[in-house]
């Protein structure tokens, strides 16, 4: 295990770095701290020598998306700050393959160091599939 997180569990098994979202009682909703932890964990994975990164989830639902309870009572500037954290998290996911030689994101949610085709599109598409519950987690919970 790596990292010290409230909403995540990170594991390293040989060349594979796994990030488990672990807030099943809230269906792994992306609150501010959860997104900050994901950003940090993806940074940790990207800085490692891992040859694969898997994002998985504990519980029955992969991720319900943003926890809009964070938005309650926010003014426009506060809402923008919260969404900026989300944008930074997505950028961090996209940066991982760029740090290494030619990986690609597979539809199973793994970063494979084979080619860099469609990283941005597949990362965004996969993230939205998972958050919508259309594509189950890559690993069993």
N, C-alpha and C. Protein backbone atom coordinates (compact mmCIF):
# COMPACT_ATOMS: atom_id res chain seq x y z
N UNK A 1 0.82 -1.19 0.00
CA UNK A 1 0.00 0.00 0.00
C UNK A 1 0.86 1.25 0.00
N UNK A 2 0.32 2.28 -0.59
CA UNK A 2 1.01 3.55 -0.65
C UNK A 2 0.05 4.64 -0.21
N UNK A 3 0.56 5.83 0.00
CA UNK A 3 -0.29 6.98 0.29
C UNK A 3 -1.05 6.89 1.60
N UNK A 4 -1.60 8.02 2.03
CA UNK A 4 -2.41 8.11 3.23
C UNK A 4 -3.65 8.90 2.83
N UNK A 5 -4.74 8.17 2.60
CA UNK A 5 -5.95 8.78 2.05
C UNK A 5 -7.18 8.43 2.86
N UNK A 6 -8.17 9.29 2.81
CA UNK A 6 -9.46 9.02 3.45
C UNK A 6 -10.40 8.28 2.50
N UNK A 7 -10.43 8.69 1.22
CA UNK A 7 -11.39 8.16 0.26
C UNK A 7 -10.80 7.16 -0.73
N UNK A 8 -9.52 6.86 -0.60
CA UNK A 8 -8.85 5.98 -1.56
C UNK A 8 -8.04 4.91 -0.85
N UNK A 9 -7.80 3.85 -1.59
CA UNK A 9 -6.80 2.85 -1.22
C UNK A 9 -5.91 2.72 -2.45
N UNK A 10 -4.61 2.83 -2.26
CA UNK A 10 -3.69 2.63 -3.39
C UNK A 10 -2.84 1.41 -3.12
N UNK A 11 -2.58 0.67 -4.18
CA UNK A 11 -1.80 -0.56 -4.08
C UNK A 11 -0.81 -0.63 -5.22
N UNK A 12 0.29 -1.25 -4.95
CA UNK A 12 1.28 -1.50 -5.99
C UNK A 12 1.51 -3.00 -6.03
N UNK A 13 1.29 -3.61 -7.17
CA UNK A 13 1.52 -5.03 -7.37
C UNK A 13 2.41 -5.17 -8.60
N UNK A 14 3.70 -5.32 -8.35
CA UNK A 14 4.65 -5.38 -9.46
C UNK A 14 4.59 -4.10 -10.27
N UNK A 15 4.38 -4.21 -11.58
CA UNK A 15 4.38 -3.02 -12.42
C UNK A 15 3.04 -2.27 -12.43
N UNK A 16 2.04 -2.77 -11.70
CA UNK A 16 0.70 -2.18 -11.75
C UNK A 16 0.39 -1.37 -10.49
N UNK A 17 -0.05 -0.15 -10.70
CA UNK A 17 -0.45 0.75 -9.63
C UNK A 17 -1.98 0.84 -9.68
N UNK A 18 -2.66 0.44 -8.60
CA UNK A 18 -4.12 0.46 -8.56
C UNK A 18 -4.59 1.52 -7.58
N UNK A 19 -5.53 2.34 -8.04
CA UNK A 19 -6.16 3.35 -7.20
C UNK A 19 -7.61 2.92 -7.02
N UNK A 20 -7.99 2.59 -5.78
CA UNK A 20 -9.35 2.18 -5.47
C UNK A 20 -10.09 3.35 -4.86
N UNK A 21 -11.20 3.77 -5.46
CA UNK A 21 -12.08 4.72 -4.79
C UNK A 21 -12.80 3.92 -3.70
N UNK A 22 -12.79 4.45 -2.47
CA UNK A 22 -13.28 3.68 -1.34
C UNK A 22 -14.22 4.51 -0.46
N UNK A 23 -15.33 4.92 -1.04
CA UNK A 23 -16.37 5.63 -0.31
C UNK A 23 -17.71 5.05 -0.74
N UNK A 24 -17.89 3.73 -0.58
CA UNK A 24 -19.07 3.07 -1.12
C UNK A 24 -20.38 3.55 -0.51
N UNK A 25 -20.36 4.01 0.74
CA UNK A 25 -21.60 4.49 1.35
C UNK A 25 -22.14 5.74 0.67
N UNK A 26 -21.30 6.46 -0.06
CA UNK A 26 -21.72 7.62 -0.85
C UNK A 26 -21.54 7.36 -2.34
N UNK A 27 -21.45 6.08 -2.70
CA UNK A 27 -21.30 5.64 -4.08
C UNK A 27 -20.10 6.30 -4.77
N UNK A 28 -19.04 6.48 -3.99
CA UNK A 28 -17.77 7.04 -4.49
C UNK A 28 -17.96 8.39 -5.16
N UNK A 29 -18.88 9.19 -4.61
CA UNK A 29 -19.12 10.54 -5.15
C UNK A 29 -17.84 11.37 -5.05
N UNK A 30 -17.67 12.26 -6.00
CA UNK A 30 -16.46 13.08 -6.07
C UNK A 30 -16.63 14.38 -5.31
N UNK A 31 -16.41 14.32 -3.99
CA UNK A 31 -16.40 15.54 -3.20
C UNK A 31 -15.03 16.20 -3.38
N UNK A 32 -14.88 17.39 -2.85
CA UNK A 32 -13.63 18.14 -3.01
C UNK A 32 -12.42 17.33 -2.55
N UNK A 33 -12.48 16.79 -1.33
CA UNK A 33 -11.32 16.06 -0.81
C UNK A 33 -11.05 14.80 -1.62
N UNK A 34 -12.10 14.13 -2.08
CA UNK A 34 -11.93 12.92 -2.90
C UNK A 34 -11.18 13.27 -4.20
N UNK A 35 -11.58 14.36 -4.85
CA UNK A 35 -10.90 14.77 -6.08
C UNK A 35 -9.45 15.16 -5.82
N UNK A 36 -9.21 15.84 -4.69
CA UNK A 36 -7.83 16.20 -4.34
C UNK A 36 -6.99 14.95 -4.10
N UNK A 37 -7.58 13.96 -3.44
CA UNK A 37 -6.85 12.71 -3.21
C UNK A 37 -6.59 11.96 -4.51
N UNK A 38 -7.57 11.94 -5.40
CA UNK A 38 -7.36 11.29 -6.70
C UNK A 38 -6.24 11.97 -7.47
N UNK A 39 -6.22 13.29 -7.44
CA UNK A 39 -5.16 14.04 -8.12
C UNK A 39 -3.80 13.65 -7.55
N UNK A 40 -3.71 13.60 -6.23
CA UNK A 40 -2.45 13.23 -5.58
C UNK A 40 -2.06 11.79 -5.91
N UNK A 41 -3.03 10.87 -5.88
CA UNK A 41 -2.73 9.46 -6.17
C UNK A 41 -2.28 9.27 -7.61
N UNK A 42 -2.96 9.93 -8.56
CA UNK A 42 -2.53 9.83 -9.95
C UNK A 42 -1.15 10.45 -10.14
N UNK A 43 -0.85 11.51 -9.41
CA UNK A 43 0.50 12.08 -9.45
C UNK A 43 1.53 11.10 -8.94
N UNK A 44 1.20 10.43 -7.84
CA UNK A 44 2.09 9.41 -7.28
C UNK A 44 2.31 8.27 -8.28
N UNK A 45 1.23 7.83 -8.91
CA UNK A 45 1.34 6.76 -9.91
C UNK A 45 2.20 7.21 -11.09
N UNK A 46 1.96 8.43 -11.56
CA UNK A 46 2.70 8.95 -12.70
C UNK A 46 4.18 9.14 -12.42
N UNK A 47 4.51 9.46 -11.16
CA UNK A 47 5.91 9.65 -10.79
C UNK A 47 6.64 8.33 -10.52
N UNK A 48 5.88 7.25 -10.46
CA UNK A 48 6.49 5.95 -10.18
C UNK A 48 6.98 5.30 -11.48
N UNK A 49 7.57 4.14 -11.34
CA UNK A 49 8.00 3.38 -12.51
C UNK A 49 6.95 2.35 -12.94
N UNK A 50 5.72 2.50 -12.43
CA UNK A 50 4.65 1.56 -12.79
C UNK A 50 4.43 1.59 -14.31
N UNK A 51 4.13 0.44 -14.85
CA UNK A 51 3.84 0.35 -16.29
C UNK A 51 2.35 0.27 -16.57
N UNK A 52 1.54 0.30 -15.52
CA UNK A 52 0.09 0.30 -15.69
C UNK A 52 -0.57 0.96 -14.49
N UNK A 53 -1.67 1.68 -14.75
CA UNK A 53 -2.44 2.32 -13.70
C UNK A 53 -3.89 1.92 -13.88
N UNK A 54 -4.50 1.43 -12.79
CA UNK A 54 -5.90 1.01 -12.83
C UNK A 54 -6.68 1.86 -11.83
N UNK A 55 -7.79 2.42 -12.27
CA UNK A 55 -8.71 3.11 -11.37
C UNK A 55 -9.90 2.18 -11.18
N UNK A 56 -10.13 1.77 -9.94
CA UNK A 56 -11.20 0.84 -9.61
C UNK A 56 -11.99 1.42 -8.44
N UNK A 57 -13.06 0.72 -8.06
CA UNK A 57 -13.90 1.23 -6.98
C UNK A 57 -14.43 0.12 -6.11
N UNK A 58 -14.54 0.39 -4.83
CA UNK A 58 -15.17 -0.51 -3.88
C UNK A 58 -16.66 -0.21 -3.87
N UNK A 59 -17.47 -1.22 -3.65
CA UNK A 59 -18.90 -1.02 -3.57
C UNK A 59 -19.61 -1.39 -4.85
N UNK A 60 -20.92 -1.16 -4.86
CA UNK A 60 -21.77 -1.57 -5.99
C UNK A 60 -21.71 -0.60 -7.17
N UNK A 61 -21.30 0.64 -6.93
CA UNK A 61 -21.28 1.67 -7.97
C UNK A 61 -19.86 2.18 -8.13
N UNK A 62 -19.43 2.33 -9.39
CA UNK A 62 -18.08 2.83 -9.63
C UNK A 62 -17.95 4.25 -9.09
N UNK A 63 -18.79 5.16 -9.59
CA UNK A 63 -18.75 6.56 -9.17
C UNK A 63 -20.01 7.25 -9.65
N UNK A 64 -20.67 7.97 -8.77
CA UNK A 64 -21.89 8.67 -9.16
C UNK A 64 -21.61 10.03 -9.76
N UNK A 65 -20.37 10.46 -9.79
CA UNK A 65 -20.01 11.77 -10.33
C UNK A 65 -19.80 12.75 -9.19
N UNK A 66 -19.94 14.03 -9.50
CA UNK A 66 -19.70 15.07 -8.50
C UNK A 66 -20.66 14.95 -7.33
N UNK A 67 -20.14 15.27 -6.15
CA UNK A 67 -20.96 15.37 -4.95
C UNK A 67 -21.43 16.82 -4.89
N UNK A 68 -22.63 17.05 -5.38
CA UNK A 68 -23.10 18.43 -5.49
C UNK A 68 -23.44 19.05 -4.14
N UNK A 69 -23.34 18.28 -3.06
CA UNK A 69 -23.47 18.87 -1.73
C UNK A 69 -22.35 19.89 -1.51
N UNK A 70 -21.21 19.68 -2.16
CA UNK A 70 -20.10 20.64 -2.08
C UNK A 70 -20.48 21.99 -2.69
N UNK A 71 -21.42 21.99 -3.61
CA UNK A 71 -21.81 23.22 -4.30
C UNK A 71 -22.81 24.04 -3.48
N UNK A 72 -23.50 23.37 -2.56
CA UNK A 72 -24.52 24.07 -1.76
C UNK A 72 -23.90 25.24 -1.01
N UNK A 73 -24.48 26.39 -1.17
CA UNK A 73 -24.01 27.59 -0.48
C UNK A 73 -22.81 28.26 -1.12
N UNK A 74 -22.29 27.72 -2.21
CA UNK A 74 -21.14 28.32 -2.87
C UNK A 74 -21.58 29.51 -3.73
N UNK A 75 -20.78 30.55 -3.75
CA UNK A 75 -21.01 31.61 -4.72
C UNK A 75 -20.33 31.19 -6.03
N UNK A 76 -20.42 32.03 -7.04
CA UNK A 76 -19.86 31.68 -8.35
C UNK A 76 -18.37 31.39 -8.26
N UNK A 77 -17.63 32.19 -7.53
CA UNK A 77 -16.19 31.98 -7.40
C UNK A 77 -15.90 30.64 -6.69
N UNK A 78 -16.65 30.33 -5.66
CA UNK A 78 -16.46 29.06 -4.95
C UNK A 78 -16.76 27.87 -5.85
N UNK A 79 -17.82 27.97 -6.64
CA UNK A 79 -18.17 26.90 -7.57
C UNK A 79 -17.07 26.71 -8.61
N UNK A 80 -16.54 27.83 -9.10
CA UNK A 80 -15.46 27.74 -10.09
C UNK A 80 -14.21 27.09 -9.49
N UNK A 81 -13.92 27.41 -8.24
CA UNK A 81 -12.75 26.80 -7.58
C UNK A 81 -12.93 25.29 -7.47
N UNK A 82 -14.13 24.86 -7.10
CA UNK A 82 -14.41 23.44 -6.98
C UNK A 82 -14.26 22.73 -8.32
N UNK A 83 -14.81 23.33 -9.37
CA UNK A 83 -14.70 22.72 -10.70
C UNK A 83 -13.27 22.76 -11.22
N UNK A 84 -12.49 23.75 -10.78
CA UNK A 84 -11.07 23.80 -11.17
C UNK A 84 -10.30 22.61 -10.59
N UNK A 85 -10.69 22.18 -9.39
CA UNK A 85 -10.06 20.99 -8.79
C UNK A 85 -10.35 19.77 -9.66
N UNK A 86 -11.59 19.67 -10.13
CA UNK A 86 -11.96 18.56 -11.02
C UNK A 86 -11.15 18.61 -12.32
N UNK A 87 -11.03 19.80 -12.88
CA UNK A 87 -10.27 19.95 -14.13
C UNK A 87 -8.81 19.55 -13.90
N UNK A 88 -8.24 19.93 -12.77
CA UNK A 88 -6.85 19.57 -12.48
C UNK A 88 -6.71 18.05 -12.33
N UNK A 89 -7.71 17.42 -11.71
CA UNK A 89 -7.68 15.96 -11.57
C UNK A 89 -7.64 15.30 -12.95
N UNK A 90 -8.50 15.75 -13.86
CA UNK A 90 -8.53 15.18 -15.21
C UNK A 90 -7.22 15.43 -15.95
N UNK A 91 -6.65 16.62 -15.77
CA UNK A 91 -5.36 16.91 -16.39
C UNK A 91 -4.27 15.98 -15.87
N UNK A 92 -4.32 15.68 -14.57
CA UNK A 92 -3.31 14.78 -13.98
C UNK A 92 -3.42 13.39 -14.60
N UNK A 93 -4.65 12.93 -14.80
CA UNK A 93 -4.84 11.62 -15.43
C UNK A 93 -4.26 11.62 -16.83
N UNK A 94 -4.47 12.71 -17.56
CA UNK A 94 -3.96 12.81 -18.93
C UNK A 94 -2.44 12.95 -18.97
N UNK A 95 -1.84 13.50 -17.91
CA UNK A 95 -0.39 13.72 -17.89
C UNK A 95 0.39 12.42 -17.71
N UNK A 96 -0.19 11.44 -17.07
CA UNK A 96 0.56 10.21 -16.77
C UNK A 96 1.18 9.60 -18.02
N UNK A 97 0.40 9.37 -19.07
CA UNK A 97 1.03 8.76 -20.25
C UNK A 97 2.07 9.64 -20.90
N UNK A 98 1.94 10.93 -20.76
CA UNK A 98 2.92 11.85 -21.37
C UNK A 98 4.25 11.81 -20.64
N UNK A 99 4.25 11.39 -19.38
CA UNK A 99 5.49 11.32 -18.61
C UNK A 99 6.34 10.12 -19.02
N UNK A 100 5.72 9.18 -19.68
CA UNK A 100 6.39 7.94 -20.04
C UNK A 100 6.40 7.79 -21.56
N UNK A 101 7.05 6.78 -22.04
CA UNK A 101 7.18 6.65 -23.49
C UNK A 101 6.00 5.93 -24.11
N UNK A 102 5.08 6.67 -24.65
CA UNK A 102 4.03 6.15 -25.50
C UNK A 102 2.95 5.27 -24.91
N UNK A 103 2.46 5.50 -23.68
CA UNK A 103 1.37 4.66 -23.22
C UNK A 103 0.03 5.05 -23.83
N UNK A 104 -0.97 4.20 -23.67
CA UNK A 104 -2.32 4.53 -24.10
C UNK A 104 -3.28 4.07 -23.02
N UNK A 105 -4.43 4.66 -22.97
CA UNK A 105 -5.45 4.28 -22.01
C UNK A 105 -6.37 3.28 -22.67
N UNK A 106 -6.50 2.11 -22.08
CA UNK A 106 -7.38 1.09 -22.64
C UNK A 106 -8.79 1.29 -22.12
N UNK A 107 -9.76 0.69 -22.77
CA UNK A 107 -11.15 0.82 -22.34
C UNK A 107 -11.40 0.11 -21.01
N UNK A 108 -10.46 -0.71 -20.57
CA UNK A 108 -10.60 -1.37 -19.27
C UNK A 108 -10.15 -0.47 -18.14
N UNK A 109 -9.66 0.71 -18.45
CA UNK A 109 -9.23 1.64 -17.42
C UNK A 109 -7.78 1.53 -17.05
N UNK A 110 -6.96 0.91 -17.91
CA UNK A 110 -5.55 0.74 -17.63
C UNK A 110 -4.72 1.62 -18.56
N UNK A 111 -3.63 2.11 -18.05
CA UNK A 111 -2.68 2.81 -18.90
C UNK A 111 -1.67 1.79 -19.39
N UNK A 112 -1.57 1.67 -20.69
CA UNK A 112 -0.70 0.70 -21.33
C UNK A 112 0.35 1.50 -22.10
N UNK A 113 1.59 1.16 -21.94
CA UNK A 113 2.67 1.97 -22.52
C UNK A 113 2.91 1.69 -24.00
N UNK A 114 1.94 1.22 -24.73
CA UNK A 114 2.11 0.86 -26.13
C UNK A 114 2.05 2.01 -27.12
N UNK A 115 1.11 2.92 -27.00
CA UNK A 115 0.96 4.00 -27.97
C UNK A 115 0.23 5.16 -27.33
N UNK A 116 0.32 6.34 -27.89
CA UNK A 116 -0.32 7.50 -27.27
C UNK A 116 -1.55 7.98 -28.03
N UNK A 117 -2.13 7.14 -28.86
CA UNK A 117 -3.28 7.53 -29.67
C UNK A 117 -4.51 7.77 -28.80
N UNK A 118 -5.10 8.91 -28.99
CA UNK A 118 -6.39 9.21 -28.38
C UNK A 118 -6.40 9.30 -26.87
N UNK A 119 -5.28 9.66 -26.24
CA UNK A 119 -5.24 9.71 -24.77
C UNK A 119 -6.32 10.63 -24.23
N UNK A 120 -6.38 11.85 -24.70
CA UNK A 120 -7.33 12.81 -24.16
C UNK A 120 -8.77 12.34 -24.36
N UNK A 121 -9.09 11.92 -25.57
CA UNK A 121 -10.47 11.52 -25.86
C UNK A 121 -10.87 10.29 -25.06
N UNK A 122 -9.99 9.29 -25.02
CA UNK A 122 -10.33 8.06 -24.31
C UNK A 122 -10.39 8.29 -22.81
N UNK A 123 -9.50 9.14 -22.26
CA UNK A 123 -9.52 9.43 -20.84
C UNK A 123 -10.85 10.07 -20.47
N UNK A 124 -11.23 11.08 -21.20
CA UNK A 124 -12.49 11.77 -20.92
C UNK A 124 -13.68 10.85 -21.11
N UNK A 125 -13.68 10.10 -22.20
CA UNK A 125 -14.80 9.19 -22.50
C UNK A 125 -14.91 8.13 -21.42
N UNK A 126 -13.80 7.54 -21.02
CA UNK A 126 -13.81 6.49 -20.00
C UNK A 126 -14.30 7.04 -18.67
N UNK A 127 -13.81 8.23 -18.30
CA UNK A 127 -14.20 8.82 -17.03
C UNK A 127 -15.71 9.03 -16.99
N UNK A 128 -16.28 9.52 -18.08
CA UNK A 128 -17.72 9.76 -18.11
C UNK A 128 -18.51 8.46 -18.13
N UNK A 129 -18.01 7.42 -18.83
CA UNK A 129 -18.68 6.12 -18.81
C UNK A 129 -18.74 5.61 -17.38
N UNK A 130 -17.60 5.66 -16.71
CA UNK A 130 -17.52 5.11 -15.37
C UNK A 130 -18.42 5.88 -14.42
N UNK A 131 -18.37 7.20 -14.47
CA UNK A 131 -19.16 8.00 -13.54
C UNK A 131 -20.64 7.85 -13.80
N UNK A 132 -21.02 7.54 -15.01
CA UNK A 132 -22.44 7.34 -15.33
C UNK A 132 -22.89 5.93 -14.98
N UNK A 133 -21.95 5.08 -14.57
CA UNK A 133 -22.28 3.71 -14.19
C UNK A 133 -22.51 2.81 -15.39
N UNK A 134 -22.15 3.28 -16.59
CA UNK A 134 -22.35 2.49 -17.80
C UNK A 134 -21.29 1.41 -17.92
N UNK A 135 -20.09 1.73 -17.52
CA UNK A 135 -18.96 0.80 -17.63
C UNK A 135 -18.52 0.43 -16.22
N UNK A 136 -18.68 -0.80 -15.79
CA UNK A 136 -18.30 -1.18 -14.43
C UNK A 136 -16.80 -1.08 -14.23
N UNK A 137 -16.37 -1.09 -12.97
CA UNK A 137 -14.94 -1.02 -12.64
C UNK A 137 -14.17 -2.15 -13.28
N UNK A 138 -12.88 -1.91 -13.50
CA UNK A 138 -12.04 -2.91 -14.16
C UNK A 138 -11.79 -4.12 -13.27
N UNK A 139 -11.86 -3.93 -11.96
CA UNK A 139 -11.60 -5.01 -11.03
C UNK A 139 -12.81 -5.24 -10.15
N UNK A 140 -13.04 -6.46 -9.70
CA UNK A 140 -14.18 -6.72 -8.82
C UNK A 140 -13.97 -6.06 -7.46
N UNK A 141 -15.08 -5.69 -6.82
CA UNK A 141 -14.96 -5.05 -5.50
C UNK A 141 -15.07 -6.08 -4.40
